[in-house]
Each structure stands twice: as C-alpha cells, then as structure tokens.
Amino acid sequence: MTPLSETEKKLGKSKRSGGRGFVAKAVASVSALATLAGGMALGAVAAPAAYAANAPTTSYDRTLGNPTFESAREANGLAKEMNYGAILHAWMWSANTIKAHMDEIADAGYTSIQTVPMSTIKGPEHGMVFTENWYYVYQPSGTGIGNKVIGTEAEIKAMTEEAHKHGIRVIADAVINHFTSDWNAVESGWKNSNNFHSDWGNCGASGPGSIRGDAINYSNRWQVTQCHLLGLLDLNTQSQSVANGMKDYLVRAVAAGIDGFRYDAAKHIELPNEFDQYSPYYDTILPNGAQYQYGEVLQGDSGLNAPAYPALFNKYSTNGGGNTGSKYGGLMRAVVQDKNLDAGRVGSLQGDGVRDNQLVTWVESHDTYANTNEYSSQLSAWQIRMGWGIVGSRAGGAPLFFNRPVGSGGSNPRFAERSQLGDAGDDEWKHPEVKWVNKFRNAMEGNAEYLRNCQGNNCLMIERYKTDGNSNNDGVTVVNMDGDKNLAGMDTVLDDGEYVDQVYGGKLTVSGKKITSGSVKSGKVHVFFNASNTPRASLSVTGAKSFKTDTTQVTLNARNVNNARYTTSEGDSGSFTDGQKITIGAKSAVNTQITVKLTGTDADGNQVTASETFTKKDPNAVVSYTAYAKKPAAWNKIYAYVYVDNNAAAGNVIQNAAWPGELMTAESGACDGTADQVYEIPEDIIDQAGDDPIRVIFNNGGAGEIAGNKFPGDSATEDPDDHVDAAGLLIDGSYVWDGNITSGTWEEASCLAVTVDSVKISPSGTINLDLADGATTQLTATVAPAAAANKPVKWTSSNERVAVVKNGVVQGVAKGTATITASVGGKSDTVTVNVTGEAPVVHDTTVYYPAATYGANSTYLHYRIGAGTWTTAPGVKMEAACDGYVKYTIEGTEGGQIEFVFNNGSGQWDNNGNKNYTASGANVVVENGTVGSVAPCVTVVPVSSVSITGGNFELKEGASKQLSATVSPSNATNRSVSWKSSNTSVATVDASGKVTAVAAGSATITATAGGKSATVTVTVKGDDPVVPVQSVSISGTGVSGGKATINVGAGLNLNATVSPSNATDRTVTWISSDDSIATVSSTGAVRGVKAGMAVIMATVGGKSSSVIVTVKEAGPVLQSVAIAGTGVANNKLTLAQNKTVQLSVKATPANASLGVVYWSSSDTSVATVSGTGKVTAKSEGMAVITATVGDKHSSIVLTVSKNGGSSDRFSDVPAGVPFHDEIEWLAANGISNGYADGRFGY
C-alpha cells in the first residue's frame, strides 16, 4: 500500500525506493500545481457508462448462489467462506498470467486470488522492471478499468470467468484514498480541485521536497484522514460526488467479475461519524455487490477505532469483511527468525478488538517485502513456509500468501529482475508444504483448534478437531523448525484413529487422546489428515443456546449432504437446505429444553447426524454468577478471563474479552472477608452459554504459559466436583478463589447472594460536558434493595474515545456522544453524555497512585518530563488525595509526555516491570499496572448561578439559534446543562441549547445546572410570504438569440438572471442535454468537448431558460493577441478623467478562435476595465490594462489626465524622451527617487 506505518513514520523511512526522489519525479509543473490550489473547476467527476442491465448483479449471484460454481468449488475442495479460505496474492501478475495458471491455483487449494489494483494509472515509467516502478499501480490517475500491469478490462473479465469455472473467487486491490501526485496525469473527469483535500492547511511539509501537506501525526486522526500521504492527491472523501464516482468504479469492477476488494490505505479514510461532519464515503461505496471486502488498517495508531472498519465492511458484504492483521504478521516473522514457536506466544491473532474471523493474516505482505524498510524481504523461503504452516492451519483469519518475484528475496536482492511486472513470481506458492496446508485448512473449515508445543518451543502442533468420534474430520499440522521428533506419548484432542501425512507420507496414530506413534523431521511442515477425493459432509445447528423470548430462530447447516432432514422435540420435522432457518419454542413452556436433530447422507451413502439442545428460559428470571478472589501478593493486578466451554472454532469463542479478560473490581472485605476482588459474569454470556459450561481463569495479565501468571495453571484434576479442568474453573453460581497460585481452592461462596431489583444513575437523562471547562462530572448509582447497596457497580462507556468513566467519575475526552452504563446483578441504567468544546492547553499534570501500595505518607514519584532530567531519587513525595489515593502535580508539562516510576523511599519500586510508565494529559491514574486518565475523585463544588447569553430574542418559523449558558463558579462540579422549552409547539430546544422555531407564538427556554436555572423568552414570527420566480433568462459573451458557438476545448461563461429580483428561490441549476458535446458547471461555465450541438438549460423556482450551444472543431491555433480601440497606438492610450473607451482583442491569425477573454487593470484606483473590455478613467495616473486569452495576453499602458492633455510630472522629461512612460508610471506609483546604480525607491 502507500501509507507509512506508525513505526516507519517515527523512523523517517520512505514507503518508496529512492526516498524523496520519487516525490520529485512525480511533481507536476508549478502551473499545474497552481491550478489545483487555485480551485479552477474543470468539471465534475464524470461517471463512465454503466454495464448493461443483463450483467451479473452481485458476486454472490454468480458464485455461492450459482450451482455450477458451487459444483466446481466443492470438486476442488475449496473453502466456502472467503473470510476463512486461503488467498493467493498474485502480486504483479497480469490477468492473462493468472488465467494461464488457474488449474495450478485450484490444485494448490486457494479459495481466492488477490490481484494488483486495476484502475488506470500513470506509467509504469521504467518499462516493466520492479525497481522504482512497482508502486505506480498504487497511485491511480482515475477510475477506468485496466492498466499496463493487470491488462485490459476484457482480459480481466476473461480471467474472472476462468476463476469461477474453477470455483475460485477474485479479490481486487482497490486504491480509494488517493490518486497520483501528478496533477497533469489525473483523468479529466476527476480534474477538479473540489475532488481532493486542500494541498495545505491540514498538515505541514515532511521535508523540503514536499509539494503538499504530508507530515502526518499518526496519533491525530484528522491528519491521518485529511492529509496527503507521501504527497499523493488525497481524495475529498467528505464529498458525495467523489463517493458516487468511486462507487461507480467498484460496481463496474464487480460487473467485470470481481468478488471482493482489498482497500488500500483504508484507515486513512474517516469513518462515517468519526468527526463532526458526517462522511458519506464508506456508506456510499461499500454497497457495490462485492461478496467480501477488507481494509488495510495497519495497527498501532493511538485513537484508531480498528474494529469499526471490519464492522462496516461486514455490514455491506455477503461473505464477511475484515482488517489486515499486521501485528500478527510481525509476530510470525519474529518467531520463525528465532525458532521460538511458543504456543502461548503465537496463540492470539492480536486483532486489537477485531474478531479472528475478521482478520487477513500473513507472514509477509507486499508492504513488508517491497518497501525500503526491508521488514521481510531478507527472510528465506524456508522461513516463510514455516510461518505459513502456522497461519495457514489456524482456525482464525483468512491467510494471504504473498508471491515474491522470481529469484528475489532471502540472500538475493529484493528485486533480482529475473521476472517482469505482469509475470508470475517464484514457485513457493505451490510448494507441497504450502499446498497441503491450504488443503488441510479447507478440509477443517468450521473445526475448533488447539495449539501445543511438541518437545520444545521449536516445534508447534496446530490441532483441528470436532470431537465427534470420526477421525476423518480431524487433523494436525506440525511445524518443526529444528531436530527430528518422536510424537508418541503426547496428549492430543484428536479423535482415535490413523492420520496420514499428506506431504511426506508418514502416519500418526491416536488412541485414548494420546499419540501412540508418529514422528516429524527437522525443518519440515507435516500435515496429518485423511484427505478425501469427495467433499466432506457435515451437519450443524447454530443459534443462542438459551433464549428468554417466546420463540427463537436457529440455523440449519448442511455441507455436502444429501437428503438433509430435521426433527425437533416439539414435534416439527421436514427437509431443509443449507442455511435455512426454523423457529422453535412456541410449543414449549419456560425452563424446558428443545432438541433439534439433523440427519442425511454423504456422497458415499454413509449416514451423517447432528443435534443441538436449546433452553427456553423465564424472561423475568435474573441469573447472577459472581467470582470472588483474594489477589495474590505477587500480582500487581488481577484479571478474570471468562469463556463458554463449547469447543467453538477460533473467532467464535464466547468470552468476556480477549485474553487476559477484564480487570476485577477491588472490594475490601468482600464476601464476608474471604475475598478482596469481585467479578460478575456478564448476563449475556450466561444467556449465550445455555447448558454449556462457563469457565474462569484468574491471571495477572501476563502470558498464560508462564508459570505463576494464571490460576489454574497448565494442569488439571480428574474430579469435576473441584470445578477445575485443564482450561479453567467452572462457575455456575458464586465461588471464591483463595488466591493461592499453586494449590488454591475454588469453593462455593459462603456469603449470601442478594438479588438486585434495580439500579438508578444520578443525575439522569442527558449530561453535557464542555472540554474547555474540564469535562468532568461525578455520577452515583443507587442499587435496590438496600441489602444490595454495597455490591460493586460496573461502569462502562460505549465510546471511550469520547468519554471514559471510572467509579462513576466521567471524563470527557473528545467531541461526540457516549452512553455511560452502570450495571450490577444483571440490572443496569444508562445516561447519555454529550461532549462539546475544545480542550484547553494542558500546563500541569497530576499523577494519582493507590495509597495502600506504599502508604499515604511514604509514596514517592520519580519522574522526568520528555527527555529531560530525572528527579533526584527517590523523587518527590506524594500527598494524600481522596478515596485511598495519593497524588502529585507536575508543573510545566505543557501537554508533553512524562516518564515515571513509584517507590516507598526505601528501595521498593513499581517501575512497570522494568519498562517505566509513560503518559500525558491533565490527569494520570496508575492502578494495578494500568494507566488511566480519569481522576479517582472529584471535590464537589456547588453551582451558585446559571445565566444564558444574549437575553430574549426573536426567530422566524423554521429558523434556529444556538444558545449558550454560563455556569458559576467556573469550577463547579456539576456543570452539565439541561435545556427545556415551556411550549414545544412554538419552539424546541435540544440538549446542546439549539432552539428551533416551530410556529408563531412565544415560549420560555430554561437552562438548568446543579439545581440552578436561567430563562429567556423566544418569540416566533411567521415566515415572509413566498415570492415565486416569474422568469429566468440567460446571457453571456457571444450569446445571441438563444444561441452561441464555441470551439472544442473552449469555454463560455453563462449568467442566469432571475425575475423578480426578490424571488424567494434564487438557486440556479444548470444541465447539458449532452455532456459528451458540451459540459456545464454548477456556476454556468460551459466547455466544448466535441463537435455537435447541445442545449444548456438553467432552472430555478420551476422556471427554465435555455441556449443552444454549437461546438465546432477548433480552427487555427491562436498565436498571439493584441488590444485595439479608439486612441490605442503603440500599446499606449491616454484618457481624460471620467472618460470611457471600448477596447477589443484582435487575434493572430485573424481566423483563430479567441474563446473567453479576461480583462484586468493593474490599478483600479486609476482605471477600471469591465469583463467586456470597457475602460473607465478614474483618477490621474497610469495603469496597465491586460487582456488574457488562455495562455496568451496583451497589455497597454493607460495614462489618465485631468483634461486629456499631457500629465507629465517632470518638465525636464517631456513626452518623446526615452523612458518617459516608464518614469511617469513609476512616479504614479509613488516611486520618485532614482540612483546611479539603476535602483529606484520611495
């Protein structure tokens, strides 16, 4: 892609070979750049012609919805889901090359092929070599389909048709964030400055060679989305017309056979509601008929809402959507380099809140390989295969295999130039190990996974299983980087049976969940499963395991099954097709179970069965599971990781949060003094679990495979009554862990569980916070009954980028709206928080720390500001704050970062695990190793008064006015203002104080804060009567009798006059009857396109007028122009004050077309000139009158005198003396001194 990652930006590295040299080569001329900056409108985005009405409608229609495609896909054993199947990144392959290799691609097990971008481009400019040339496909010049690398649109369509014959789908890389940096190369339909963000204003220059603002701060989302990445023209994604133009391109690509898109630089495009102004871009372009869409959202930016992108892509795609898993790719490269395949280390796909099935994973991508940072190009092909054995076998993610150019990478140059753009790369993409990992993946679609090391961390087993007693449905990939290994005696989750190594021919035998025989070779990827020439058959029922409604729907799934039928314990039955939904529950009472059974046969006639049980629960029942714990002394913090033990595949696990789970709530003396930490199992997890067990693992936030970091550890007991198994502690009520890491107990709690009836937040409703005033407020939650009042309340924010909350203290972060929720015992209440204003500059930073750690009178803060000098150890002594905290205010931080640690002054230190703490902002709170920004306590300052700015006012019906209220004192705790209208039929007021007039009358507007109020009266008057448009007429240079003639490429400025002049509607709409002959802008600027006739119509207020424009082929080329008129001689003219003269322009040759003439005066205080060339003398002096036609111009010197005679200022320089006119002009402009060296001055 084109963007710099966060790390790259910090290191100052270039995304393109040659650094700024590339930008210099790409810069257009100064005049072209000025055209963009000046904003001359060259026409709106022209949408190319759409495909015929009988073209395919969506990707799904011609693939999964097409029996022919499905037959081919199943025959080749390819995955059904694009968000799961392996992707071949046919990097720099042409469409013809891809088509020629389709049989091999299908045989290698790839579900999808990803192509290079297929939009029109500038270049490549250096033939078809890779070096300094590959990146042109990522810099489109427009939205046509086809370029020199991928081929023509017809070739692309032929390639996609061939792919579909093999059951393969095609993903096109799409560059939708930016265009080329060369303005001259931009397609004419897009060549309008309004289609791009302004060159300067959002970002500064990254260096002296910058041609646009490209110095992006990646922690500033506005700059990330609005600035010019690498100086490339950044599309104005807030523009609906730009969005429409890009959608048209994507729809045409889908019509040409494309099934999905990978969006380059996706995070550089704002989310729809990310900023105050709604952005229509994604909501417009994504409903394009594609089946699968994912975005390049490189991880690591602060403020990046990574999960929101795949949510958008998934919303508009039938087969899922996702993000690039760049973090996991970096981890893969690290583990294969140091041969450390620790199962705990590689377990998480590190999606930053993105689900596993919404990630595209890789060992390397074209960015990590092709750019100058050399992130992955030095890895060997063997290391890449080792990594692919892991990512390709995992249950989560859609793995992408990047195809390197022939003979390149590893110990060879990054681009050995042994192949060209358009050619296939090396053969690693079809290596037997890669091929069989892909086939293994396809066969295991829908299976769960288990990762374990085999005799050391240099060997990893990825087990995929169903636990259905059928070994043909299970398998394992073994990635062994060093040393031959005998696997006999190892535990496994595979069903009993024999498993064949499809790569090297060995066998693995399993009995009683133990491997009894089997071995692996050093440096090999072994793939053990029983491959079949016939598609695997499977049945399943999916849906919530329990429900509290009268009925619920469940989905019946049948893969490669004949005669699929279902029966329910409610007595219903019938045949079904894959994906069919049925309704259950109507015939069952609450607290009863409903069983759904499925039957069918596979291709060989063998019976296939499945069943699932669902529980109908009492909708009024409240189920509460509570985990209590004593925090181990060795742990700084304690988390509860909660999940449903249902053997779900990765990406589908029901859990409270990704590892390590959620931080427990500290509560001294909890559960009759047996615990000091509390965690309530979320009710939605209890509901989703149904009859499946719920388990909890306590941990300190560290890696689970390290002894002492979690309880229970990596061992289990056989006795289920202990509520302990290999993975976690069973919880089905209230239980207490005693905090012993090695031999702790997990027992039913002795404390009496109290049922919560309700929870109420105060203040309620909507709360307004102003960043300028600190944007902080204290909420309280009242829990009923009184016996439950001391239960811990869980506070959450729906959008922590807008507002965060801790212990009821809400801190506004940025403009926007967030919902604050207080929940306890299955009950909850919410308030809405509106955050407005701009945050003031932070001058000082206050650091808070728990007093219990080192004592309220013996806690020290050792710090430095930025890269400055540390305080003298042990640092500064902190003082008591409130609610068990100590604090210290560091003055003069000015919003900068501080680095700090804590200690007791006697050698005991909290240094964040030898990493030190870093933070910035007004408040920094450290607790249990976590850094937050919400001050732990708020000193209540009552409101003394409220005032509304401006007093009483009037509005017309439909008009609005923004009111503001001032709360005193300025440091009052509850500064949130609520607004109310006494008569909403007259005027309404919203939560921000915006008053909207509804109907004539009067209403009182009241602002209330902290129990104090202020009022103003609004008087609403009826609207002025509507004055209808009676007529509209069109005029312009060259328009006569409703007709005008221009040449191809020439322009004509039309003006519309609306009568009467006080008409209510004066908005003029311009249209052309044929844009292929003549276009017209929104301001009436006409431009000839080709010879012919077109009608230009202006419409306003239901009235119209038109002119017929005849476009002729351009005549002789204009060589020069000259100004003519009465009194003009030798490019000079003299006029008396207040006199006028009509000037004209003569062309050379005489029959050349002039087009539009622009007139100007160098000094309008001396003389003015109209758009038609009429000059008016104003005052004595001299001015230059200039006529400009295209790139030609002519000027005359005009002298204005009082009576028309000589206006010489100097008697010794009469007319006719050399340089007379120049001296007079200088004098007229105040320059009266001359010097011997040729200089002039005032």
Foldseek 3Di string as FASTA:
>chain_A
DQFDDQVCLVVVFHLAPPPCVLVLVQEADPVLLCCLQVFDFLAAQDQPDADDPPFDQFLCCLAVVDPLLVVLCQLLLEAPFLLQAAEEAQELAALVQLLVCLVLCSLLQGQEYEYQAFAAWPDLPPPFAQHRRSCRSLAHQAQDGHYPRHHHLLSNLVSLVSNSSNSHAYAYEHELFFHGLHLVSHDSSQNGSLQFANQDDLACDPDPSAPGRASADLQDLSRLQRGAHSNTTTTPQQDPSSLQNLLSSLLRVVSSNHAEYEYESVSNHDDQPNDPRGGCRLVRNLLRNHAEYEYADDDDHNPRPQQVRQVSNQVNHNRGAAYELVVLLLVLLVCLVVLQQACLSNVDSPRVPHFQSRYEYAVDDCSCQVGPVVNDLQDDLLSRLLSCLVVLQAQGGHYYYYAQAAPGGHVHHSRPRPDTRNHGHDDSCSPLSSSVSSSNSSLLHFWAWDWDAAPHRSKIKIKTEDPPLDQQSIWIKIRHAADKHWQFFDFAPGHADKWAFPRPGWIWGDDPRTTHGDIDGHSDITITHDDDSGRDWAWDKDDQQEDADQKDKIFIAIDQWAQKKKAKPLGDIDHDYGGDIDMDRNSDDAQDKMKMKIWTAHPVRHIYIDMGIHHHHHNPDFFKWKEFEAAAPVAQFKAKWKWFPDSGHRSPTGICDPPPHGTWDAQQCPLVNQGGTMDIDAPVRVRRNNPTWMFIKMARRDRLQDQPGIPPHQQFDPDCVQQTGRPGGTIRHYWYWNNDHHDIGIGHGPHDDDAWDAKDKPPAAEFEAEQQLFRKAAIDIAIPDPVCRPFDKDKAKPDVCQWGDDNRIIGGHDADKIKIWIDDSNYIDIYMYGYDYDHDFAFKAKEKEFCVPQHQFFKAKWKDADPDDIADPPHHTWHDDDPRMTMDMGGGSRFGKMWIWMDRRPPDTGQLVVPTDMDTDHYWYAGSSDIDRGPPDDDADAWDAKEKPDAAEEEEAFDKDAIDMDTPPSNHRWPTKAKAKPDVCQWGADSRRMIHGHDADKIKMWIDTRHHIDIHMYGYDYDDDAAAWDAKDKDWVQQDPLEHEEEAFFKTAMDIDIPPPPGPKDQKAKAKPDVCAWGADSRGIIHGHAFDKIWIWIDIRRYIDIGIYGYHHFDDDWDAKEKDWPQQDPLEHEEEAFDKTAIDMATVVRPGDQGQKAKAKQDVCQWGADSRRMITGHDAAKIKIKIDGPPHIYIGIYGYHNPRDDPQPDPVLDPPRPCSVVQRNCVRVPWNDADPVGDIHD
